[in-house]
Protein backbone atom coordinates (compact mmCIF):
# COMPACT_ATOMS: atom_id res chain seq x y z
CA MET A 1 21.86 -22.35 13.69
CA GLY A 2 23.46 -21.78 10.33
CA ALA A 3 24.70 -18.69 8.50
CA ILE A 4 22.12 -16.65 6.98
CA THR A 5 23.22 -14.82 3.56
CA VAL A 6 21.74 -12.85 1.03
CA LEU A 7 20.95 -14.45 -2.29
CA SER A 8 22.62 -13.23 -5.35
CA PRO A 9 20.23 -11.89 -8.14
CA GLU A 10 20.81 -15.02 -10.15
CA ALA A 11 20.11 -17.09 -7.17
CA ILE A 12 16.76 -15.25 -6.78
CA GLU A 13 15.85 -15.68 -10.29
CA ALA A 14 16.64 -19.28 -10.35
CA LEU A 15 14.54 -19.98 -7.55
CA ILE A 16 11.41 -18.20 -8.78
CA ARG A 17 11.99 -19.81 -12.04
CA ASP A 18 12.30 -23.35 -10.64
CA SER A 19 9.87 -23.42 -7.95
CA LEU A 20 6.40 -25.03 -8.64
CA ILE A 21 4.45 -23.28 -5.79
CA GLY A 22 4.51 -19.77 -4.68
CA ARG A 23 2.31 -17.71 -2.21
CA ILE A 24 0.48 -14.46 -2.82
CA ALA A 25 -0.35 -12.20 0.09
CA CYS A 26 -3.12 -9.58 -0.66
CA CYS A 27 -5.01 -7.35 1.27
CA ASP A 28 -8.30 -5.18 0.99
CA HIS A 29 -7.87 -2.16 3.20
CA GLY A 30 -11.70 -2.14 3.65
CA GLY A 31 -13.37 -4.91 5.71
CA ASP A 32 -10.92 -6.08 8.50
CA GLY A 33 -7.78 -5.23 6.77
CA ARG A 34 -6.33 -8.60 7.59
CA PRO A 35 -3.84 -9.95 4.94
CA TYR A 36 -4.74 -13.13 3.15
CA LEU A 37 -1.83 -15.71 2.06
CA VAL A 38 -2.86 -18.28 -0.64
CA PRO A 39 -0.51 -21.00 -2.34
CA ILE A 40 -0.57 -20.77 -6.19
CA SER A 41 0.90 -22.67 -9.08
CA TYR A 42 2.39 -20.46 -11.64
CA GLY A 43 4.63 -19.82 -14.62
CA TYR A 44 7.46 -17.15 -14.70
CA ASP A 45 8.88 -15.26 -17.53
CA GLY A 46 11.59 -13.63 -15.79
CA THR A 47 9.29 -10.29 -15.25
CA ALA A 48 5.87 -11.51 -14.04
CA VAL A 49 4.34 -14.62 -12.40
CA TYR A 50 1.41 -15.79 -14.30
CA ALA A 51 -1.40 -17.72 -12.81
CA HIS A 52 -5.21 -18.58 -13.21
CA SER A 53 -7.91 -18.86 -10.96
CA ARG A 54 -11.92 -19.02 -10.43
CA SER A 55 -13.45 -15.96 -8.80
CA GLY A 56 -13.25 -15.77 -5.13
CA ARG A 57 -11.52 -14.18 -2.30
CA LYS A 58 -8.05 -13.96 -3.77
CA ILE A 59 -9.31 -12.33 -6.99
CA ARG A 60 -11.70 -9.92 -5.24
CA LEU A 61 -8.74 -8.83 -2.92
CA MET A 62 -6.54 -8.05 -5.75
CA ARG A 63 -8.93 -6.28 -7.76
CA ALA A 64 -9.57 -3.80 -4.73
CA ASN A 65 -5.97 -3.60 -3.97
CA PRO A 66 -3.43 -4.90 -6.78
CA LEU A 67 -0.30 -4.39 -4.61
CA VAL A 68 0.62 -8.01 -3.48
CA SER A 69 3.68 -9.78 -2.11
CA PHE A 70 4.83 -12.94 -3.70
CA GLU A 71 6.94 -15.55 -1.93
CA VAL A 72 8.67 -18.88 -2.82
CA ASP A 73 10.95 -21.12 -0.64
CA THR A 74 12.80 -24.31 -0.35
CA GLY A 75 14.36 -26.11 2.23
CA SER A 76 15.64 -29.58 3.47
CA ALA A 77 16.30 -28.91 7.33
CA THR A 78 15.56 -26.15 9.72
CA ASP A 79 19.04 -24.54 8.99
CA SER A 80 19.02 -25.30 5.15
CA TRP A 81 16.60 -23.04 3.29
CA ARG A 82 16.14 -20.45 0.72
CA SER A 83 13.59 -17.85 0.28
CA VAL A 84 12.50 -15.08 -1.97
CA ILE A 85 10.11 -12.38 -1.48
CA ALA A 86 8.98 -9.86 -4.01
CA ASN A 87 6.75 -6.83 -4.29
CA GLY A 88 4.39 -6.93 -7.12
CA ARG A 89 1.37 -5.59 -8.88
CA PHE A 90 -1.72 -7.82 -9.79
CA GLU A 91 -2.87 -7.25 -13.40
CA GLU A 92 -5.85 -9.23 -14.88
CA LEU A 93 -5.66 -10.27 -18.42
CA PHE A 94 -8.65 -9.80 -20.77
CA SER A 95 -7.61 -10.22 -24.14
CA GLU A 96 -7.41 -13.71 -25.78
CA THR A 97 -3.88 -13.37 -26.95
CA ASP A 98 -2.59 -12.30 -23.43
CA ARG A 99 -4.47 -15.08 -21.86
CA ARG A 100 -3.11 -17.58 -24.21
CA LEU A 101 0.24 -16.36 -23.66
CA ALA A 102 0.10 -16.50 -20.01
CA LEU A 103 -1.09 -20.06 -20.19
CA SER A 104 1.87 -20.78 -22.70
CA VAL A 105 4.11 -19.65 -19.67
CA ILE A 106 2.29 -21.62 -16.97
CA TYR A 107 1.96 -24.76 -19.24
CA PRO A 108 5.01 -24.70 -21.64
CA ASP A 109 4.37 -27.90 -23.01
CA GLY A 110 0.33 -27.32 -23.14
CA ILE A 111 -0.12 -30.70 -21.04
CA GLY A 112 -2.70 -29.58 -18.19
CA ALA A 113 -3.61 -26.15 -19.59
CA PRO A 114 -7.26 -25.34 -18.83
CA SER A 115 -9.82 -24.19 -21.62
CA LEU A 116 -10.10 -20.58 -21.93
CA ASN A 117 -13.51 -20.35 -20.82
CA PRO A 118 -15.11 -16.87 -19.51
CA ASP A 119 -15.06 -18.09 -16.07
CA LEU A 120 -11.22 -18.73 -15.90
CA ILE A 121 -9.38 -15.65 -14.50
CA VAL A 122 -5.98 -15.22 -15.99
CA PHE A 123 -3.60 -12.86 -14.26
CA LYS A 124 -0.10 -11.82 -13.67
CA ILE A 125 1.87 -10.38 -10.87
CA LEU A 126 4.44 -7.96 -12.23
CA LEU A 127 7.30 -8.30 -10.01
CA GLU A 128 8.74 -5.11 -8.89
CA ALA A 129 11.20 -5.66 -6.18
CA LYS A 130 12.84 -8.93 -5.12
CA SER A 131 15.02 -9.95 -1.99
CA GLY A 132 16.20 -13.37 -1.18
CA ARG A 133 17.81 -15.09 1.88
CA ALA A 134 19.40 -18.21 2.54
CA GLU A 135 20.53 -20.44 5.62
CA THR A 136 23.29 -23.10 5.39
CA PRO A 137 24.25 -25.26 8.24
CA GLY A 138 27.24 -23.63 10.16
């Protein structure tokens, strides 16, 4: 077992910025109340995570309860990893300007960006509190 340390704010920002896949945990307090955890590809502007989706369970749950958790991690061994967890708030983007801006954060070079058709749900998770940990071999 290695040494577990707290990530600096700069290291937290770097991990969120440089990761390709994150995870959203969302929950509707109706139904069975069980959290739902789902991976997403995303873009990050230093304040919010931007993503898009089709309608489904994740969107339904976040619309019902906009309080979510967001997580990213990286690792190369059981004793060599970094992880960030953030509390956030889901916000669906409706205006064409906001939706285009979000897609430019997700796809900065424009390659692979989807069409802004009506069934594409574009959203952001405003990150409110972030914490990070790392383990290094000891």
